[in-house]
Amino acid sequence: MTLKALLRPQALQRLSPAEAFQFCPDHLCDVVYFSPTQVFRVSDVKVPVFQKNDDSQTPACYCFGITREEMQEARDASMGAELIARIKLHIQAGRCGCEVNNPQGRCCLGNVTLAMQPS
């Protein structure tokens, strides 16, 4: 479902839907999805991938539009807990659509929580 939602049309035309794909979180690798027989790269995906793009406007939370910049601002202002609580409220209200919005295909809360930890 995630690949069908996020692959560009040209890449989607190559998709073998019966394949089991994995997500590659490695920042140094341009592969986003891979299976034993297929690979889809950053250029094949419609949205910037958080793990592979350091731009300040890259989404960290795709459903609720929270960018890398917003996370950094919350962290700098010691407001990380509030940002996490806001995302949790949306999730509890059933508004999360990570399976079609987040290239990872799962909830972004783990990424946001990790980013809010002291370095």
N, C-alpha and C. Protein backbone atom coordinates (compact mmCIF):
# COMPACT_ATOMS: atom_id res chain seq x y z
N MET A 1 0.83 -1.19 0.00
CA MET A 1 0.00 0.00 0.00
C MET A 1 0.88 1.26 0.00
N THR A 2 1.94 1.25 0.79
CA THR A 2 2.82 2.42 0.89
C THR A 2 3.47 2.71 -0.45
N LEU A 3 4.00 1.69 -1.08
CA LEU A 3 4.66 1.90 -2.37
C LEU A 3 3.68 2.42 -3.40
N LYS A 4 2.50 1.85 -3.46
CA LYS A 4 1.50 2.30 -4.43
C LYS A 4 1.12 3.75 -4.21
N ALA A 5 1.13 4.19 -2.96
CA ALA A 5 0.77 5.57 -2.65
C ALA A 5 1.91 6.55 -2.94
N LEU A 6 3.16 6.11 -2.79
CA LEU A 6 4.27 7.05 -2.81
C LEU A 6 5.21 6.96 -4.00
N LEU A 7 5.10 5.92 -4.81
CA LEU A 7 5.96 5.86 -5.98
C LEU A 7 5.46 6.79 -7.07
N ARG A 8 6.40 7.40 -7.76
CA ARG A 8 6.06 8.23 -8.93
C ARG A 8 5.46 7.31 -9.99
N PRO A 9 4.63 7.86 -10.89
CA PRO A 9 3.95 7.02 -11.90
C PRO A 9 4.89 6.11 -12.69
N GLN A 10 6.04 6.62 -13.10
CA GLN A 10 6.97 5.80 -13.88
C GLN A 10 7.49 4.61 -13.07
N ALA A 11 7.75 4.83 -11.78
CA ALA A 11 8.22 3.76 -10.91
C ALA A 11 7.09 2.79 -10.59
N LEU A 12 5.90 3.32 -10.39
CA LEU A 12 4.75 2.47 -10.09
C LEU A 12 4.48 1.49 -11.24
N GLN A 13 4.74 1.91 -12.44
CA GLN A 13 4.54 1.03 -13.60
C GLN A 13 5.50 -0.16 -13.60
N ARG A 14 6.59 -0.06 -12.85
CA ARG A 14 7.57 -1.15 -12.75
C ARG A 14 7.32 -2.05 -11.54
N LEU A 15 6.46 -1.62 -10.64
CA LEU A 15 6.23 -2.34 -9.38
C LEU A 15 5.68 -3.74 -9.62
N SER A 16 6.30 -4.71 -8.95
CA SER A 16 5.77 -6.08 -8.91
C SER A 16 5.06 -6.21 -7.56
N PRO A 17 3.75 -6.04 -7.54
CA PRO A 17 3.03 -5.97 -6.25
C PRO A 17 3.08 -7.24 -5.41
N ALA A 18 3.41 -8.37 -6.02
CA ALA A 18 3.48 -9.61 -5.25
C ALA A 18 4.77 -9.70 -4.43
N GLU A 19 5.74 -8.85 -4.75
CA GLU A 19 7.02 -8.85 -4.04
C GLU A 19 6.86 -8.32 -2.62
N ALA A 20 7.71 -8.78 -1.72
CA ALA A 20 7.78 -8.26 -0.35
C ALA A 20 8.93 -7.25 -0.31
N PHE A 21 8.61 -5.98 -0.06
CA PHE A 21 9.61 -4.92 -0.06
C PHE A 21 10.01 -4.54 1.35
N GLN A 22 11.24 -4.11 1.48
CA GLN A 22 11.77 -3.60 2.73
C GLN A 22 12.11 -2.12 2.52
N PHE A 23 12.10 -1.36 3.60
CA PHE A 23 12.49 0.04 3.59
C PHE A 23 13.95 0.13 4.02
N CYS A 24 14.74 0.93 3.32
CA CYS A 24 16.14 1.13 3.68
C CYS A 24 16.29 2.49 4.37
N PRO A 25 16.62 2.51 5.67
CA PRO A 25 16.75 3.77 6.39
C PRO A 25 18.16 4.39 6.32
N ASP A 26 19.09 3.73 5.65
CA ASP A 26 20.48 4.19 5.61
C ASP A 26 20.58 5.53 4.89
N HIS A 27 21.06 6.54 5.61
CA HIS A 27 21.17 7.91 5.08
C HIS A 27 22.13 7.99 3.89
N LEU A 28 23.11 7.14 3.86
CA LEU A 28 24.13 7.19 2.80
C LEU A 28 23.73 6.44 1.54
N CYS A 29 22.61 5.77 1.57
CA CYS A 29 22.15 4.95 0.44
C CYS A 29 20.94 5.62 -0.20
N ASP A 30 20.89 5.66 -1.54
CA ASP A 30 19.73 6.29 -2.19
C ASP A 30 18.59 5.31 -2.45
N VAL A 31 18.74 4.07 -2.02
CA VAL A 31 17.67 3.08 -2.15
C VAL A 31 16.66 3.34 -1.03
N VAL A 32 15.38 3.40 -1.41
CA VAL A 32 14.32 3.57 -0.41
C VAL A 32 13.63 2.24 -0.16
N TYR A 33 13.26 1.53 -1.23
CA TYR A 33 12.59 0.24 -1.11
C TYR A 33 13.36 -0.80 -1.92
N PHE A 34 13.40 -2.01 -1.39
CA PHE A 34 14.07 -3.08 -2.14
C PHE A 34 13.40 -4.42 -1.85
N SER A 35 13.49 -5.29 -2.82
CA SER A 35 13.03 -6.66 -2.72
C SER A 35 14.14 -7.52 -3.31
N PRO A 36 13.98 -8.82 -3.34
CA PRO A 36 15.02 -9.64 -3.96
C PRO A 36 15.25 -9.32 -5.45
N THR A 37 14.24 -8.74 -6.12
CA THR A 37 14.39 -8.51 -7.56
C THR A 37 14.21 -7.06 -8.00
N GLN A 38 13.80 -6.17 -7.10
CA GLN A 38 13.53 -4.78 -7.49
C GLN A 38 14.10 -3.79 -6.48
N VAL A 39 14.42 -2.61 -7.00
CA VAL A 39 14.92 -1.52 -6.17
C VAL A 39 14.24 -0.23 -6.60
N PHE A 40 13.82 0.55 -5.61
CA PHE A 40 13.27 1.88 -5.88
C PHE A 40 14.10 2.88 -5.08
N ARG A 41 14.54 3.93 -5.76
CA ARG A 41 15.46 4.90 -5.19
C ARG A 41 14.73 6.19 -4.81
N VAL A 42 15.45 7.09 -4.18
CA VAL A 42 14.90 8.38 -3.76
C VAL A 42 14.19 9.06 -4.93
N SER A 43 14.75 9.00 -6.10
CA SER A 43 14.16 9.66 -7.28
C SER A 43 12.85 9.01 -7.72
N ASP A 44 12.55 7.82 -7.23
CA ASP A 44 11.31 7.12 -7.59
C ASP A 44 10.15 7.47 -6.66
N VAL A 45 10.43 8.20 -5.58
CA VAL A 45 9.42 8.47 -4.55
C VAL A 45 8.93 9.92 -4.67
N LYS A 46 7.63 10.12 -4.48
CA LYS A 46 6.99 11.43 -4.63
C LYS A 46 7.37 12.44 -3.56
N VAL A 47 7.77 11.99 -2.40
CA VAL A 47 8.03 12.88 -1.27
C VAL A 47 9.48 12.73 -0.80
N PRO A 48 10.03 13.77 -0.16
CA PRO A 48 11.36 13.60 0.41
C PRO A 48 11.30 12.58 1.55
N VAL A 49 12.31 11.77 1.64
CA VAL A 49 12.36 10.71 2.66
C VAL A 49 13.17 11.21 3.86
N PHE A 50 12.55 11.27 5.01
CA PHE A 50 13.16 11.82 6.22
C PHE A 50 14.56 11.27 6.48
N GLN A 51 14.72 9.98 6.39
CA GLN A 51 16.01 9.36 6.70
C GLN A 51 17.09 9.68 5.66
N LYS A 52 16.69 10.17 4.51
CA LYS A 52 17.64 10.37 3.42
C LYS A 52 17.78 11.82 2.98
N ASN A 53 17.08 12.73 3.66
CA ASN A 53 17.08 14.13 3.24
C ASN A 53 17.22 15.02 4.47
N ASP A 54 18.31 15.79 4.53
CA ASP A 54 18.58 16.65 5.68
C ASP A 54 17.95 18.03 5.59
N ASP A 55 17.23 18.33 4.52
CA ASP A 55 16.64 19.65 4.35
C ASP A 55 15.72 19.96 5.53
N SER A 56 15.73 21.20 5.96
CA SER A 56 14.93 21.61 7.12
C SER A 56 13.44 21.46 6.90
N GLN A 57 12.99 21.49 5.66
CA GLN A 57 11.56 21.38 5.36
C GLN A 57 11.10 19.94 5.08
N THR A 58 12.01 18.99 5.21
CA THR A 58 11.64 17.59 5.03
C THR A 58 10.71 17.17 6.16
N PRO A 59 9.60 16.53 5.83
CA PRO A 59 8.69 16.08 6.89
C PRO A 59 9.34 15.01 7.77
N ALA A 60 9.08 15.14 9.04
CA ALA A 60 9.42 14.08 9.99
C ALA A 60 8.14 13.33 10.32
N CYS A 61 7.04 14.08 10.33
CA CYS A 61 5.71 13.52 10.54
C CYS A 61 4.90 13.90 9.31
N TYR A 62 4.69 12.93 8.44
CA TYR A 62 4.06 13.18 7.15
C TYR A 62 2.56 13.45 7.27
N CYS A 63 1.92 12.86 8.23
CA CYS A 63 0.47 13.04 8.37
C CYS A 63 0.10 14.43 8.87
N PHE A 64 0.92 14.97 9.77
CA PHE A 64 0.55 16.21 10.42
C PHE A 64 1.49 17.36 10.08
N GLY A 65 2.34 17.16 9.07
CA GLY A 65 3.15 18.23 8.50
C GLY A 65 4.26 18.77 9.38
N ILE A 66 4.74 17.96 10.28
CA ILE A 66 5.82 18.42 11.16
C ILE A 66 7.16 18.19 10.46
N THR A 67 7.88 19.28 10.25
CA THR A 67 9.14 19.22 9.52
C THR A 67 10.33 19.04 10.46
N ARG A 68 11.45 18.75 9.85
CA ARG A 68 12.71 18.65 10.59
C ARG A 68 12.97 19.96 11.34
N GLU A 69 12.68 21.10 10.67
CA GLU A 69 12.87 22.41 11.28
C GLU A 69 11.98 22.59 12.51
N GLU A 70 10.72 22.21 12.40
CA GLU A 70 9.81 22.34 13.53
C GLU A 70 10.25 21.48 14.70
N MET A 71 10.75 20.29 14.40
CA MET A 71 11.26 19.44 15.48
C MET A 71 12.45 20.10 16.16
N GLN A 72 13.36 20.67 15.37
CA GLN A 72 14.53 21.32 15.95
C GLN A 72 14.12 22.51 16.81
N GLU A 73 13.16 23.30 16.35
CA GLU A 73 12.68 24.43 17.13
C GLU A 73 12.06 23.97 18.44
N ALA A 74 11.28 22.89 18.40
CA ALA A 74 10.67 22.35 19.62
C ALA A 74 11.75 21.85 20.58
N ARG A 75 12.74 21.20 20.03
CA ARG A 75 13.84 20.69 20.86
C ARG A 75 14.60 21.86 21.49
N ASP A 76 14.92 22.87 20.69
CA ASP A 76 15.66 24.03 21.21
C ASP A 76 14.89 24.77 22.29
N ALA A 77 13.57 24.77 22.20
CA ALA A 77 12.73 25.46 23.18
C ALA A 77 12.27 24.54 24.31
N SER A 78 12.86 23.35 24.37
CA SER A 78 12.48 22.35 25.37
C SER A 78 10.98 22.04 25.32
N MET A 79 10.46 22.00 24.10
CA MET A 79 9.03 21.73 23.87
C MET A 79 8.81 20.39 23.17
N GLY A 80 9.82 19.52 23.20
CA GLY A 80 9.73 18.22 22.54
C GLY A 80 8.58 17.38 23.06
N ALA A 81 8.39 17.38 24.37
CA ALA A 81 7.32 16.58 24.97
C ALA A 81 5.95 17.05 24.47
N GLU A 82 5.79 18.35 24.31
CA GLU A 82 4.53 18.90 23.82
C GLU A 82 4.28 18.50 22.36
N LEU A 83 5.33 18.53 21.56
CA LEU A 83 5.20 18.12 20.16
C LEU A 83 4.81 16.66 20.06
N ILE A 84 5.45 15.83 20.85
CA ILE A 84 5.12 14.40 20.88
C ILE A 84 3.69 14.19 21.35
N ALA A 85 3.27 14.92 22.37
CA ALA A 85 1.90 14.80 22.88
C ALA A 85 0.88 15.20 21.82
N ARG A 86 1.20 16.24 21.04
CA ARG A 86 0.29 16.67 19.97
C ARG A 86 0.12 15.57 18.93
N ILE A 87 1.22 14.93 18.55
CA ILE A 87 1.13 13.83 17.57
C ILE A 87 0.33 12.68 18.16
N LYS A 88 0.57 12.36 19.42
CA LYS A 88 -0.16 11.26 20.07
C LYS A 88 -1.67 11.52 20.10
N LEU A 89 -2.06 12.77 20.34
CA LEU A 89 -3.49 13.11 20.34
C LEU A 89 -4.11 12.86 18.97
N HIS A 90 -3.40 13.24 17.91
CA HIS A 90 -3.89 12.99 16.55
C HIS A 90 -4.01 11.49 16.29
N ILE A 91 -3.03 10.74 16.73
CA ILE A 91 -3.05 9.28 16.53
C ILE A 91 -4.24 8.68 17.27
N GLN A 92 -4.42 9.07 18.53
CA GLN A 92 -5.53 8.55 19.33
C GLN A 92 -6.88 8.92 18.74
N ALA A 93 -6.94 10.04 18.03
CA ALA A 93 -8.19 10.47 17.40
C ALA A 93 -8.43 9.75 16.07
N GLY A 94 -7.50 8.88 15.68
CA GLY A 94 -7.67 8.10 14.45
C GLY A 94 -7.33 8.86 13.19
N ARG A 95 -6.51 9.90 13.29
CA ARG A 95 -6.18 10.73 12.13
C ARG A 95 -4.91 10.29 11.40
N CYS A 96 -4.19 9.36 11.96
CA CYS A 96 -2.91 8.93 11.39
C CYS A 96 -3.14 8.12 10.11
N GLY A 97 -2.36 8.42 9.09
CA GLY A 97 -2.42 7.68 7.83
C GLY A 97 -1.02 7.33 7.35
N CYS A 98 -0.18 6.93 8.28
CA CYS A 98 1.23 6.70 7.96
C CYS A 98 1.44 5.63 6.89
N GLU A 99 0.55 4.67 6.82
CA GLU A 99 0.74 3.61 5.83
C GLU A 99 0.69 4.14 4.40
N VAL A 100 0.09 5.30 4.20
CA VAL A 100 0.06 5.89 2.86
C VAL A 100 0.81 7.22 2.76
N ASN A 101 1.19 7.81 3.88
CA ASN A 101 1.87 9.11 3.87
C ASN A 101 3.36 9.02 4.17
N ASN A 102 3.76 8.14 5.07
CA ASN A 102 5.14 8.03 5.50
C ASN A 102 5.86 6.98 4.66
N PRO A 103 6.97 7.34 4.01
CA PRO A 103 7.69 6.34 3.21
C PRO A 103 8.07 5.08 3.98
N GLN A 104 8.21 5.17 5.28
CA GLN A 104 8.49 3.97 6.08
C GLN A 104 7.29 3.04 6.15
N GLY A 105 6.09 3.58 5.90
CA GLY A 105 4.89 2.75 5.97
C GLY A 105 4.42 2.48 7.37
N ARG A 106 4.98 3.18 8.33
CA ARG A 106 4.55 3.02 9.72
C ARG A 106 4.63 4.37 10.42
N CYS A 107 4.17 4.40 11.64
CA CYS A 107 4.06 5.65 12.39
C CYS A 107 5.40 6.37 12.54
N CYS A 108 5.36 7.67 12.40
CA CYS A 108 6.55 8.52 12.50
C CYS A 108 6.90 8.83 13.95
N LEU A 109 6.05 8.50 14.87
CA LEU A 109 6.26 8.90 16.26
C LEU A 109 7.62 8.44 16.79
N GLY A 110 8.07 7.28 16.38
CA GLY A 110 9.38 6.79 16.81
C GLY A 110 10.50 7.71 16.33
N ASN A 111 10.42 8.16 15.08
CA ASN A 111 11.43 9.08 14.55
C ASN A 111 11.42 10.40 15.31
N VAL A 112 10.23 10.93 15.56
CA VAL A 112 10.11 12.21 16.26
C VAL A 112 10.62 12.07 17.69
N THR A 113 10.24 11.01 18.36
CA THR A 113 10.68 10.78 19.74
C THR A 113 12.20 10.67 19.81
N LEU A 114 12.79 9.94 18.89
CA LEU A 114 14.24 9.81 18.86
C LEU A 114 14.91 11.16 18.61
N ALA A 115 14.35 11.95 17.73
CA ALA A 115 14.92 13.27 17.43
C ALA A 115 14.82 14.22 18.61
N MET A 116 13.87 14.02 19.49
CA MET A 116 13.69 14.90 20.64
C MET A 116 14.63 14.57 21.80
N GLN A 117 15.31 13.43 21.73
CA GLN A 117 16.23 13.05 22.79
C GLN A 117 17.48 13.92 22.74
N PRO A 118 18.06 14.19 23.89
CA PRO A 118 19.31 14.98 23.91
C PRO A 118 20.40 14.24 23.13
N SER A 119 21.23 15.02 22.44
CA SER A 119 22.30 14.38 21.66
C SER A 119 23.52 14.09 22.48
